[in-house]
Amino acid sequence: MTEADMPLLRWHVEPARDATIVHLTGEIDLGTRPAFAAAIDKARSAPTDLIVIDLTNVSFIGSVGIQVLIEAHRQVDRQVRIAHGGGIARRAFEISGVHEVLSVYETLEQARTA
């Protein structure tokens, strides 16, 4: 598989006893919005009271990705927390001001145990 064949966004959902974790790697933009939304939908089917969205390996998140996070925050019937990893996602949250609306943490561990 060449780099051109690699998907721009890879994800997997990890069901754990205390939380369901959505691990994402790559870019979140208009082209990957359906994959990002599918990952969150899969997490919604898990029985835990907490969903943690792990953005620590995300190399880009555009306004569309932020919109999906806000929609998840509003529509999911349980607590949603986001781990940004101190990288590009943190910067996007600061610029947009969304960190004041969403439950945002620097590390995955902080998001799981807050």
PDB file of N, CA and C in Angstrom:
ATOM      1  N   MET A   1       0.848  -1.175   0.000  1.00  0.00           N
ATOM      2  CA  MET A   1       0.000   0.000   0.000  1.00  0.00           C
ATOM      3  C   MET A   1       0.896   1.242   0.000  1.00  0.00           C
ATOM      4  N   THR A   2       0.636   2.143  -0.918  1.00  0.00           N
ATOM      5  CA  THR A   2       1.407   3.377  -0.982  1.00  0.00           C
ATOM      6  C   THR A   2       0.793   4.425  -0.070  1.00  0.00           C
ATOM      7  N   GLU A   3       1.539   5.481   0.172  1.00  0.00           N
ATOM      8  CA  GLU A   3       1.023   6.561   1.010  1.00  0.00           C
ATOM      9  C   GLU A   3      -0.258   7.147   0.421  1.00  0.00           C
ATOM     10  N   ALA A   4      -0.350   7.208  -0.900  1.00  0.00           N
ATOM     11  CA  ALA A   4      -1.543   7.739  -1.552  1.00  0.00           C
ATOM     12  C   ALA A   4      -2.760   6.857  -1.295  1.00  0.00           C
ATOM     13  N   ASP A   5      -2.538   5.558  -1.042  1.00  0.00           N
ATOM     14  CA  ASP A   5      -3.638   4.636  -0.778  1.00  0.00           C
ATOM     15  C   ASP A   5      -4.104   4.650   0.671  1.00  0.00           C
ATOM     16  N   MET A   6      -3.334   5.260   1.546  1.00  0.00           N
ATOM     17  CA  MET A   6      -3.663   5.256   2.973  1.00  0.00           C
ATOM     18  C   MET A   6      -4.841   6.191   3.216  1.00  0.00           C
ATOM     19  N   PRO A   7      -5.768   5.790   4.068  1.00  0.00           N
ATOM     20  CA  PRO A   7      -6.889   6.686   4.392  1.00  0.00           C
ATOM     21  C   PRO A   7      -6.385   7.899   5.175  1.00  0.00           C
ATOM     22  N   LEU A   8      -7.057   9.023   4.983  1.00  0.00           N
ATOM     23  CA  LEU A   8      -6.653  10.242   5.681  1.00  0.00           C
ATOM     24  C   LEU A   8      -7.031  10.217   7.152  1.00  0.00           C
ATOM     25  N   LEU A   9      -8.011   9.377   7.500  1.00  0.00           N
ATOM     26  CA  LEU A   9      -8.427   9.254   8.893  1.00  0.00           C
ATOM     27  C   LEU A   9      -8.643   7.781   9.207  1.00  0.00           C
ATOM     28  N   ARG A  10      -7.937   7.316  10.222  1.00  0.00           N
ATOM     29  CA  ARG A  10      -8.139   5.957  10.713  1.00  0.00           C
ATOM     30  C   ARG A  10      -8.708   6.064  12.120  1.00  0.00           C
ATOM     31  N   TRP A  11      -9.575   5.119  12.473  1.00  0.00           N
ATOM     32  CA  TRP A  11     -10.173   5.155  13.805  1.00  0.00           C
ATOM     33  C   TRP A  11     -10.496   3.753  14.270  1.00  0.00           C
ATOM     34  N   HIS A  12     -10.556   3.626  15.578  1.00  0.00           N
ATOM     35  CA  HIS A  12     -11.104   2.418  16.177  1.00  0.00           C
ATOM     36  C   HIS A  12     -11.706   2.796  17.523  1.00  0.00           C
ATOM     37  N   VAL A  13     -12.717   2.037  17.891  1.00  0.00           N
ATOM     38  CA  VAL A  13     -13.429   2.279  19.147  1.00  0.00           C
ATOM     39  C   VAL A  13     -13.015   1.190  20.119  1.00  0.00           C
ATOM     40  N   GLU A  14     -12.567   1.628  21.286  1.00  0.00           N
ATOM     41  CA  GLU A  14     -12.120   0.720  22.336  1.00  0.00           C
ATOM     42  C   GLU A  14     -13.132   0.737  23.478  1.00  0.00           C
ATOM     43  N   PRO A  15     -13.901  -0.318  23.610  1.00  0.00           N
ATOM     44  CA  PRO A  15     -14.816  -0.374  24.756  1.00  0.00           C
ATOM     45  C   PRO A  15     -14.038  -0.795  26.003  1.00  0.00           C
ATOM     46  N   ALA A  16     -14.136  -0.007  27.035  1.00  0.00           N
ATOM     47  CA  ALA A  16     -13.493  -0.318  28.310  1.00  0.00           C
ATOM     48  C   ALA A  16     -14.566  -0.310  29.391  1.00  0.00           C
ATOM     49  N   ARG A  17     -14.197  -0.751  30.558  1.00  0.00           N
ATOM     50  CA  ARG A  17     -15.171  -0.835  31.651  1.00  0.00           C
ATOM     51  C   ARG A  17     -15.686   0.547  32.045  1.00  0.00           C
ATOM     52  N   ASP A  18     -14.805   1.536  32.107  1.00  0.00           N
ATOM     53  CA  ASP A  18     -15.174   2.862  32.595  1.00  0.00           C
ATOM     54  C   ASP A  18     -15.538   3.860  31.498  1.00  0.00           C
ATOM     55  N   ALA A  19     -15.169   3.572  30.257  1.00  0.00           N
ATOM     56  CA  ALA A  19     -15.401   4.523  29.171  1.00  0.00           C
ATOM     57  C   ALA A  19     -15.290   3.815  27.828  1.00  0.00           C
ATOM     58  N   THR A  20     -15.895   4.420  26.838  1.00  0.00           N
ATOM     59  CA  THR A  20     -15.701   3.987  25.458  1.00  0.00           C
ATOM     60  C   THR A  20     -14.800   5.027  24.820  1.00  0.00           C
ATOM     61  N   ILE A  21     -13.691   4.575  24.261  1.00  0.00           N
ATOM     62  CA  ILE A  21     -12.699   5.507  23.736  1.00  0.00           C
ATOM     63  C   ILE A  21     -12.668   5.416  22.211  1.00  0.00           C
ATOM     64  N   VAL A  22     -12.770   6.571  21.570  1.00  0.00           N
ATOM     65  CA  VAL A  22     -12.669   6.671  20.121  1.00  0.00           C
ATOM     66  C   VAL A  22     -11.263   7.177  19.815  1.00  0.00           C
ATOM     67  N   HIS A  23     -10.407   6.296  19.298  1.00  0.00           N
ATOM     68  CA  HIS A  23      -9.033   6.660  18.925  1.00  0.00           C
ATOM     69  C   HIS A  23      -9.027   7.068  17.453  1.00  0.00           C
ATOM     70  N   LEU A  24      -8.459   8.238  17.178  1.00  0.00           N
ATOM     71  CA  LEU A  24      -8.400   8.756  15.814  1.00  0.00           C
ATOM     72  C   LEU A  24      -6.963   9.077  15.429  1.00  0.00           C
ATOM     73  N   THR A  25      -6.623   8.795  14.181  1.00  0.00           N
ATOM     74  CA  THR A  25      -5.297   9.106  13.662  1.00  0.00           C
ATOM     75  C   THR A  25      -5.461   9.686  12.269  1.00  0.00           C
ATOM     76  N   GLY A  26      -4.853  10.830  12.032  1.00  0.00           N
ATOM     77  CA  GLY A  26      -4.897  11.435  10.698  1.00  0.00           C
ATOM     78  C   GLY A  26      -5.531  12.802  10.707  1.00  0.00           C
ATOM     79  N   GLU A  27      -6.276  13.081   9.646  1.00  0.00           N
ATOM     80  CA  GLU A  27      -6.851  14.403   9.427  1.00  0.00           C
ATOM     81  C   GLU A  27      -8.377  14.355   9.514  1.00  0.00           C
ATOM     82  N   ILE A  28      -8.934  15.385  10.135  1.00  0.00           N
ATOM     83  CA  ILE A  28     -10.390  15.505  10.208  1.00  0.00           C
ATOM     84  C   ILE A  28     -10.776  16.774   9.451  1.00  0.00           C
ATOM     85  N   ASP A  29     -11.404  16.557   8.298  1.00  0.00           N
ATOM     86  CA  ASP A  29     -11.829  17.667   7.453  1.00  0.00           C
ATOM     87  C   ASP A  29     -13.103  17.264   6.722  1.00  0.00           C
ATOM     88  N   LEU A  30     -13.487  18.027   5.739  1.00  0.00           N
ATOM     89  CA  LEU A  30     -14.722  17.746   5.018  1.00  0.00           C
ATOM     90  C   LEU A  30     -14.722  16.342   4.408  1.00  0.00           C
ATOM     91  N   GLY A  31     -13.598  15.914   3.880  1.00  0.00           N
ATOM     92  CA  GLY A  31     -13.510  14.608   3.248  1.00  0.00           C
ATOM     93  C   GLY A  31     -13.588  13.442   4.213  1.00  0.00           C
ATOM     94  N   THR A  32     -13.155  13.656   5.451  1.00  0.00           N
ATOM     95  CA  THR A  32     -13.163  12.567   6.431  1.00  0.00           C
ATOM     96  C   THR A  32     -14.300  12.696   7.439  1.00  0.00           C
ATOM     97  N   ARG A  33     -15.148  13.696   7.260  1.00  0.00           N
ATOM     98  CA  ARG A  33     -16.271  13.883   8.173  1.00  0.00           C
ATOM     99  C   ARG A  33     -17.121  12.624   8.320  1.00  0.00           C
ATOM    100  N   PRO A  34     -17.478  11.936   7.221  1.00  0.00           N
ATOM    101  CA  PRO A  34     -18.293  10.732   7.377  1.00  0.00           C
ATOM    102  C   PRO A  34     -17.621   9.667   8.253  1.00  0.00           C
ATOM    103  N   ALA A  35     -16.323   9.474   8.106  1.00  0.00           N
ATOM    104  CA  ALA A  35     -15.603   8.491   8.933  1.00  0.00           C
ATOM    105  C   ALA A  35     -15.590   8.923  10.390  1.00  0.00           C
ATOM    106  N   PHE A  36     -15.389  10.210  10.644  1.00  0.00           N
ATOM    107  CA  PHE A  36     -15.372  10.724  12.010  1.00  0.00           C
ATOM    108  C   PHE A  36     -16.747  10.542  12.656  1.00  0.00           C
ATOM    109  N   ALA A  37     -17.796  10.888  11.927  1.00  0.00           N
ATOM    110  CA  ALA A  37     -19.154  10.721  12.449  1.00  0.00           C
ATOM    111  C   ALA A  37     -19.468   9.243  12.680  1.00  0.00           C
ATOM    112  N   ALA A  38     -18.996   8.360  11.808  1.00  0.00           N
ATOM    113  CA  ALA A  38     -19.215   6.917  11.981  1.00  0.00           C
ATOM    114  C   ALA A  38     -18.529   6.404  13.238  1.00  0.00           C
ATOM    115  N   ALA A  39     -17.347   6.912  13.519  1.00  0.00           N
ATOM    116  CA  ALA A  39     -16.626   6.507  14.734  1.00  0.00           C
ATOM    117  C   ALA A  39     -17.414   6.896  15.985  1.00  0.00           C
ATOM    118  N   ILE A  40     -17.939   8.096  15.997  1.00  0.00           N
ATOM    119  CA  ILE A  40     -18.726   8.550  17.143  1.00  0.00           C
ATOM    120  C   ILE A  40     -20.024   7.749  17.250  1.00  0.00           C
ATOM    121  N   ASP A  41     -20.657   7.475  16.121  1.00  0.00           N
ATOM    122  CA  ASP A  41     -21.878   6.656  16.140  1.00  0.00           C
ATOM    123  C   ASP A  41     -21.604   5.268  16.704  1.00  0.00           C
ATOM    124  N   LYS A  42     -20.479   4.680  16.332  1.00  0.00           N
ATOM    125  CA  LYS A  42     -20.127   3.357  16.865  1.00  0.00           C
ATOM    126  C   LYS A  42     -19.952   3.443  18.382  1.00  0.00           C
ATOM    127  N   ALA A  43     -19.320   4.487  18.861  1.00  0.00           N
ATOM    128  CA  ALA A  43     -19.126   4.661  20.307  1.00  0.00           C
ATOM    129  C   ALA A  43     -20.461   4.815  21.024  1.00  0.00           C
ATOM    130  N   ARG A  44     -21.409   5.444  20.381  1.00  0.00           N
ATOM    131  CA  ARG A  44     -22.736   5.639  20.994  1.00  0.00           C
ATOM    132  C   ARG A  44     -23.451   4.324  21.254  1.00  0.00           C
ATOM    133  N   SER A  45     -23.092   3.287  20.518  1.00  0.00           N
ATOM    134  CA  SER A  45     -23.749   1.993  20.706  1.00  0.00           C
ATOM    135  C   SER A  45     -23.176   1.209  21.886  1.00  0.00           C
ATOM    136  N   ALA A  46     -22.085   1.678  22.469  1.00  0.00           N
ATOM    137  CA  ALA A  46     -21.484   1.011  23.626  1.00  0.00           C
ATOM    138  C   ALA A  46     -22.268   1.370  24.893  1.00  0.00           C
ATOM    139  N   PRO A  47     -22.236   0.492  25.893  1.00  0.00           N
ATOM    140  CA  PRO A  47     -23.071   0.703  27.084  1.00  0.00           C
ATOM    141  C   PRO A  47     -22.490   1.616  28.163  1.00  0.00           C
ATOM    142  N   THR A  48     -21.316   2.193  27.974  1.00  0.00           N
ATOM    143  CA  THR A  48     -20.719   3.007  29.035  1.00  0.00           C
ATOM    144  C   THR A  48     -21.364   4.385  29.124  1.00  0.00           C
ATOM    145  N   ASP A  49     -21.213   5.021  30.287  1.00  0.00           N
ATOM    146  CA  ASP A  49     -21.759   6.364  30.510  1.00  0.00           C
ATOM    147  C   ASP A  49     -20.851   7.473  29.999  1.00  0.00           C
ATOM    148  N   LEU A  50     -19.644   7.110  29.575  1.00  0.00           N
ATOM    149  CA  LEU A  50     -18.648   8.093  29.161  1.00  0.00           C
ATOM    150  C   LEU A  50     -18.065   7.713  27.806  1.00  0.00           C
ATOM    151  N   ILE A  51     -18.005   8.695  26.913  1.00  0.00           N
ATOM    152  CA  ILE A  51     -17.311   8.540  25.634  1.00  0.00           C
ATOM    153  C   ILE A  51     -16.145   9.518  25.643  1.00  0.00           C
ATOM    154  N   VAL A  52     -14.946   9.005  25.387  1.00  0.00           N
ATOM    155  CA  VAL A  52     -13.753   9.843  25.294  1.00  0.00           C
ATOM    156  C   VAL A  52     -13.282   9.820  23.845  1.00  0.00           C
ATOM    157  N   ILE A  53     -13.140  10.993  23.264  1.00  0.00           N
ATOM    158  CA  ILE A  53     -12.662  11.119  21.888  1.00  0.00           C
ATOM    159  C   ILE A  53     -11.194  11.519  21.954  1.00  0.00           C
ATOM    160  N   ASP A  54     -10.339  10.601  21.503  1.00  0.00           N
ATOM    161  CA  ASP A  54      -8.888  10.762  21.598  1.00  0.00           C
ATOM    162  C   ASP A  54      -8.343  11.362  20.306  1.00  0.00           C
ATOM    163  N   LEU A  55      -7.983  12.634  20.358  1.00  0.00           N
ATOM    164  CA  LEU A  55      -7.448  13.352  19.203  1.00  0.00           C
ATOM    165  C   LEU A  55      -5.930  13.510  19.274  1.00  0.00           C
ATOM    166  N   THR A  56      -5.272  12.781  20.151  1.00  0.00           N
ATOM    167  CA  THR A  56      -3.839  12.978  20.360  1.00  0.00           C
ATOM    168  C   THR A  56      -3.006  12.659  19.117  1.00  0.00           C
ATOM    169  N   ASN A  57      -3.513  11.834  18.210  1.00  0.00           N
ATOM    170  CA  ASN A  57      -2.780  11.496  16.985  1.00  0.00           C
ATOM    171  C   ASN A  57      -3.399  12.131  15.741  1.00  0.00           C
ATOM    172  N   VAL A  58      -4.169  13.175  15.943  1.00  0.00           N
ATOM    173  CA  VAL A  58      -4.778  13.895  14.827  1.00  0.00           C
ATOM    174  C   VAL A  58      -3.811  14.982  14.367  1.00  0.00           C
ATOM    175  N   SER A  59      -3.524  14.993  13.074  1.00  0.00           N
ATOM    176  CA  SER A  59      -2.574  15.963  12.528  1.00  0.00           C
ATOM    177  C   SER A  59      -3.249  17.221  11.984  1.00  0.00           C
ATOM    178  N   PHE A  60      -4.570  17.170  11.819  1.00  0.00           N
ATOM    179  CA  PHE A  60      -5.326  18.339  11.369  1.00  0.00           C
ATOM    180  C   PHE A  60      -6.775  18.160  11.783  1.00  0.00           C
ATOM    181  N   ILE A  61      -7.377  19.234  12.264  1.00  0.00           N
ATOM    182  CA  ILE A  61      -8.820  19.240  12.509  1.00  0.00           C
ATOM    183  C   ILE A  61      -9.350  20.589  12.042  1.00  0.00           C
ATOM    184  N   GLY A  62     -10.248  20.536  11.088  1.00  0.00           N
ATOM    185  CA  GLY A  62     -10.845  21.742  10.547  1.00  0.00           C
ATOM    186  C   GLY A  62     -12.160  22.064  11.222  1.00  0.00           C
ATOM    187  N   SER A  63     -12.812  23.083  10.735  1.00  0.00           N
ATOM    188  CA  SER A  63     -14.072  23.514  11.338  1.00  0.00           C
ATOM    189  C   SER A  63     -15.147  22.434  11.257  1.00  0.00           C
ATOM    190  N   VAL A  64     -15.080  21.594  10.235  1.00  0.00           N
ATOM    191  CA  VAL A  64     -16.047  20.501  10.104  1.00  0.00           C
ATOM    192  C   VAL A  64     -15.874  19.516  11.262  1.00  0.00           C
ATOM    193  N   GLY A  65     -14.640  19.218  11.630  1.00  0.00           N
ATOM    194  CA  GLY A  65     -14.382  18.327  12.762  1.00  0.00           C
ATOM    195  C   GLY A  65     -14.886  18.915  14.065  1.00  0.00           C
ATOM    196  N   ILE A  66     -14.681  20.191  14.245  1.00  0.00           N
ATOM    197  CA  ILE A  66     -15.177  20.859  15.445  1.00  0.00           C
ATOM    198  C   ILE A  66     -16.703  20.824  15.475  1.00  0.00           C
ATOM    199  N   GLN A  67     -17.326  20.994  14.317  1.00  0.00           N
ATOM    200  CA  GLN A  67     -18.785  20.922  14.225  1.00  0.00           C
ATOM    201  C   GLN A  67     -19.282  19.535  14.635  1.00  0.00           C
ATOM    202  N   VAL A  68     -18.616  18.480  14.200  1.00  0.00           N
ATOM    203  CA  VAL A  68     -19.010  17.117  14.579  1.00  0.00           C
ATOM    204  C   VAL A  68     -18.888  16.934  16.090  1.00  0.00           C
ATOM    205  N   LEU A  69     -17.839  17.483  16.693  1.00  0.00           N
ATOM    206  CA  LEU A  69     -17.673  17.384  18.147  1.00  0.00           C
ATOM    207  C   LEU A  69     -18.793  18.113  18.882  1.00  0.00           C
ATOM    208  N   ILE A  70     -19.157  19.278  18.409  1.00  0.00           N
ATOM    209  CA  ILE A  70     -20.245  20.029  19.047  1.00  0.00           C
ATOM    210  C   ILE A  70     -21.563  19.267  18.897  1.00  0.00           C
ATOM    211  N   GLU A  71     -21.807  18.699  17.724  1.00  0.00           N
ATOM    212  CA  GLU A  71     -23.019  17.908  17.514  1.00  0.00           C
ATOM    213  C   GLU A  71     -23.041  16.704  18.463  1.00  0.00           C
ATOM    214  N   ALA A  72     -21.903  16.038  18.616  1.00  0.00           N
ATOM    215  CA  ALA A  72     -21.833  14.894  19.530  1.00  0.00           C
ATOM    216  C   ALA A  72     -22.117  15.339  20.956  1.00  0.00           C
ATOM    217  N   HIS A  73     -21.555  16.460  21.341  1.00  0.00           N
ATOM    218  CA  HIS A  73     -21.778  16.999  22.685  1.00  0.00           C
ATOM    219  C   HIS A  73     -23.271  17.241  22.927  1.00  0.00           C
ATOM    220  N   ARG A  74     -23.956  17.754  21.933  1.00  0.00           N
ATOM    221  CA  ARG A  74     -25.380  18.076  22.066  1.00  0.00           C
ATOM    222  C   ARG A  74     -26.288  16.862  21.933  1.00  0.00           C
ATOM    223  N   GLN A  75     -25.910  15.897  21.103  1.00  0.00           N
ATOM    224  CA  GLN A  75     -26.817  14.806  20.756  1.00  0.00           C
ATOM    225  C   GLN A  75     -26.596  13.514  21.533  1.00  0.00           C
ATOM    226  N   VAL A  76     -25.391  13.289  21.985  1.00  0.00           N
ATOM    227  CA  VAL A  76     -25.099  12.034  22.687  1.00  0.00           C
ATOM    228  C   VAL A  76     -25.717  12.104  24.074  1.00  0.00           C
ATOM    229  N   ASP A  77     -26.384  11.044  24.465  1.00  0.00           N
ATOM    230  CA  ASP A  77     -27.113  11.028  25.732  1.00  0.00           C
ATOM    231  C   ASP A  77     -26.247  10.609  26.917  1.00  0.00           C
ATOM    232  N   ARG A  78     -24.984  10.917  26.849  1.00  0.00           N
ATOM    233  CA  ARG A  78     -24.068  10.647  27.958  1.00  0.00           C
ATOM    234  C   ARG A  78     -22.917  11.637  27.887  1.00  0.00           C
ATOM    235  N   GLN A  79     -22.014  11.533  28.812  1.00  0.00           N
ATOM    236  CA  GLN A  79     -20.916  12.486  28.881  1.00  0.00           C
ATOM    237  C   GLN A  79     -19.892  12.225  27.773  1.00  0.00           C
ATOM    238  N   VAL A  80     -19.461  13.301  27.127  1.00  0.00           N
ATOM    239  CA  VAL A  80     -18.438  13.233  26.085  1.00  0.00           C
ATOM    240  C   VAL A  80     -17.270  14.100  26.532  1.00  0.00           C
ATOM    241  N   ARG A  81     -16.083  13.506  26.531  1.00  0.00           N
ATOM    242  CA  ARG A  81     -14.859  14.243  26.849  1.00  0.00           C
ATOM    243  C   ARG A  81     -13.883  14.084  25.700  1.00  0.00           C
ATOM    244  N   ILE A  82     -13.025  15.084  25.539  1.00  0.00           N
ATOM    245  CA  ILE A  82     -12.088  15.094  24.425  1.00  0.00           C
ATOM    246  C   ILE A  82     -10.665  15.240  24.965  1.00  0.00           C
ATOM    247  N   ALA A  83      -9.767  14.377  24.478  1.00  0.00           N
ATOM    248  CA  ALA A  83      -8.341  14.488  24.789  1.00  0.00           C
ATOM    249  C   ALA A  83      -7.646  15.025  23.549  1.00  0.00           C
ATOM    250  N   HIS A  84      -7.004  16.202  23.664  1.00  0.00           N
ATOM    251  CA  HIS A  84      -6.394  16.815  22.486  1.00  0.00           C
ATOM    252  C   HIS A  84      -4.906  16.530  22.355  1.00  0.00           C
ATOM    253  N   GLY A  85      -4.253  16.100  23.397  1.00  0.00           N
ATOM    254  CA  GLY A  85      -2.841  15.746  23.300  1.00  0.00           C
ATOM    255  C   GLY A  85      -1.882  16.916  23.230  1.00  0.00           C
ATOM    256  N   GLY A  86      -2.387  18.128  23.400  1.00  0.00           N
ATOM    257  CA  GLY A  86      -1.515  19.299  23.393  1.00  0.00           C
ATOM    258  C   GLY A  86      -1.066  19.719  22.007  1.00  0.00           C
ATOM    259  N   GLY A  87      -1.584  19.096  20.973  1.00  0.00           N
ATOM    260  CA  GLY A  87      -1.132  19.380  19.616  1.00  0.00           C
ATOM    261  C   GLY A  87      -2.058  20.284  18.842  1.00  0.00           C
ATOM    262  N   ILE A  88      -2.220  19.921  17.593  1.00  0.00           N
ATOM    263  CA  ILE A  88      -2.974  20.741  16.654  1.00  0.00           C
ATOM    264  C   ILE A  88      -4.431  20.927  17.081  1.00  0.00           C
ATOM    265  N   ALA A  89      -5.025  19.905  17.678  1.00  0.00           N
ATOM    266  CA  ALA A  89      -6.421  20.027  18.108  1.00  0.00           C
ATOM    267  C   ALA A  89      -6.550  21.082  19.202  1.00  0.00           C
ATOM    268  N   ARG A  90      -5.605  21.114  20.126  1.00  0.00           N
ATOM    269  CA  ARG A  90      -5.659  22.136  21.179  1.00  0.00           C
ATOM    270  C   ARG A  90      -5.662  23.530  20.572  1.00  0.00           C
ATOM    271  N   ARG A  91      -4.825  23.741  19.603  1.00  0.00           N
ATOM    272  CA  ARG A  91      -4.738  25.051  18.948  1.00  0.00           C
ATOM    273  C   ARG A  91      -6.068  25.401  18.265  1.00  0.00           C
ATOM    274  N   ALA A  92      -6.667  24.433  17.594  1.00  0.00           N
ATOM    275  CA  ALA A  92      -7.950  24.674  16.935  1.00  0.00           C
ATOM    276  C   ALA A  92      -9.034  25.006  17.953  1.00  0.00           C
ATOM    277  N   PHE A  93      -9.017  24.336  19.108  1.00  0.00           N
ATOM    278  CA  PHE A  93     -10.006  24.614  20.153  1.00  0.00           C
ATOM    279  C   PHE A  93      -9.814  26.015  20.720  1.00  0.00           C
ATOM    280  N   GLU A  94      -8.565  26.412  20.927  1.00  0.00           N
ATOM    281  CA  GLU A  94      -8.293  27.748  21.471  1.00  0.00           C
ATOM    282  C   GLU A  94      -8.728  28.838  20.497  1.00  0.00           C
ATOM    283  N   ILE A  95      -8.422  28.649  19.220  1.00  0.00           N
ATOM    284  CA  ILE A  95      -8.779  29.648  18.212  1.00  0.00           C
ATOM    285  C   ILE A  95     -10.292  29.780  18.097  1.00  0.00           C
ATOM    286  N   SER A  96     -10.993  28.645  18.098  1.00  0.00           N
ATOM    287  CA  SER A  96     -12.442  28.662  17.917  1.00  0.00           C
ATOM    288  C   SER A  96     -13.205  28.981  19.203  1.00  0.00           C
ATOM    289  N   GLY A  97     -12.549  28.819  20.359  1.00  0.00           N
ATOM    290  CA  GLY A  97     -13.216  29.031  21.633  1.00  0.00           C
ATOM    291  C   GLY A  97     -14.061  27.857  22.085  1.00  0.00           C
ATOM    292  N   VAL A  98     -14.022  26.758  21.340  1.00  0.00           N
ATOM    293  CA  VAL A  98     -14.870  25.608  21.647  1.00  0.00           C
ATOM    294  C   VAL A  98     -14.446  24.910  22.939  1.00  0.00           C
ATOM    295  N   HIS A  99     -13.221  25.131  23.372  1.00  0.00           N
ATOM    296  CA  HIS A  99     -12.767  24.525  24.632  1.00  0.00           C
ATOM    297  C   HIS A  99     -13.560  25.058  25.825  1.00  0.00           C
ATOM    298  N   GLU A 100     -14.265  26.155  25.644  1.00  0.00           N
ATOM    299  CA  GLU A 100     -15.105  26.688  26.717  1.00  0.00           C
ATOM    300  C   GLU A 100     -16.475  26.013  26.762  1.00  0.00           C
ATOM    301  N   VAL A 101     -16.838  25.298  25.704  1.00  0.00           N
ATOM    302  CA  VAL A 101     -18.135  24.629  25.609  1.00  0.00           C
ATOM    303  C   VAL A 101     -17.998  23.128  25.851  1.00  0.00           C
ATOM    304  N   LEU A 102     -16.954  22.531  25.306  1.00  0.00           N
ATOM    305  CA  LEU A 102     -16.743  21.089  25.398  1.00  0.00           C
ATOM    306  C   LEU A 102     -15.873  20.740  26.602  1.00  0.00           C
ATOM    307  N   SER A 103     -15.943  19.490  27.026  1.00  0.00           N
ATOM    308  CA  SER A 103     -15.078  18.993  28.104  1.00  0.00           C
ATOM    309  C   SER A 103     -13.772  18.529  27.471  1.00  0.00           C
ATOM    310  N   VAL A 104     -12.757  19.391  27.526  1.00  0.00           N
ATOM    311  CA  VAL A 104     -11.503  19.169  26.827  1.00  0.00           C
ATOM    312  C   VAL A 104     -10.372  18.980  27.831  1.00  0.00           C
ATOM    313  N   TYR A 105      -9.535  17.968  27.572  1.00  0.00           N
ATOM    314  CA  TYR A 105      -8.409  17.625  28.445  1.00  0.00           C
ATOM    315  C   TYR A 105      -7.169  17.426  27.589  1.00  0.00           C
ATOM    316  N   GLU A 106      -6.007  17.617  28.209  1.00  0.00           N
ATOM    317  CA  GLU A 106      -4.771  17.456  27.449  1.00  0.00           C
ATOM    318  C   GLU A 106      -4.465  15.996  27.168  1.00  0.00           C
ATOM    319  N   THR A 107      -4.622  15.123  28.156  1.00  0.00           N
ATOM    320  CA  THR A 107      -4.238  13.728  27.955  1.00  0.00           C
ATOM    321  C   THR A 107      -5.464  12.814  27.983  1.00  0.00           C
ATOM    322  N   LEU A 108      -5.269  11.649  27.420  1.00  0.00           N
ATOM    323  CA  LEU A 108      -6.329  10.642  27.443  1.00  0.00           C
ATOM    324  C   LEU A 108      -6.627  10.218  28.871  1.00  0.00           C
ATOM    325  N   GLU A 109      -5.606  10.058  29.665  1.00  0.00           N
ATOM    326  CA  GLU A 109      -5.807   9.655  31.063  1.00  0.00           C
ATOM    327  C   GLU A 109      -6.614  10.697  31.843  1.00  0.00           C
ATOM    328  N   GLN A 110      -6.307  11.972  31.630  1.00  0.00           N
ATOM    329  CA  GLN A 110      -7.075  13.033  32.300  1.00  0.00           C
ATOM    330  C   GLN A 110      -8.536  13.000  31.872  1.00  0.00           C
ATOM    331  N   ALA A 111      -8.782  12.779  30.600  1.00  0.00           N
ATOM    332  CA  ALA A 111     -10.163  12.723  30.108  1.00  0.00           C
ATOM    333  C   ALA A 111     -10.913  11.525  30.673  1.00  0.00           C
ATOM    334  N   ARG A 112     -10.224  10.426  30.849  1.00  0.00           N
ATOM    335  CA  ARG A 112     -10.874   9.219  31.398  1.00  0.00           C
ATOM    336  C   ARG A 112     -11.208   9.357  32.870  1.00  0.00           C
ATOM    337  N   THR A 113     -10.382  10.066  33.632  1.00  0.00           N
ATOM    338  CA  THR A 113     -10.511  10.065  35.090  1.00  0.00           C
ATOM    339  C   THR A 113     -11.040  11.359  35.679  1.00  0.00           C
ATOM    340  N   ALA A 114     -11.319  12.352  34.864  1.00  0.00           N
ATOM    341  CA  ALA A 114     -11.764  13.659  35.372  1.00  0.00           C
ATOM    342  C   ALA A 114     -13.078  13.566  36.139  1.00  0.00           C
TER     343      ALA A 114
END
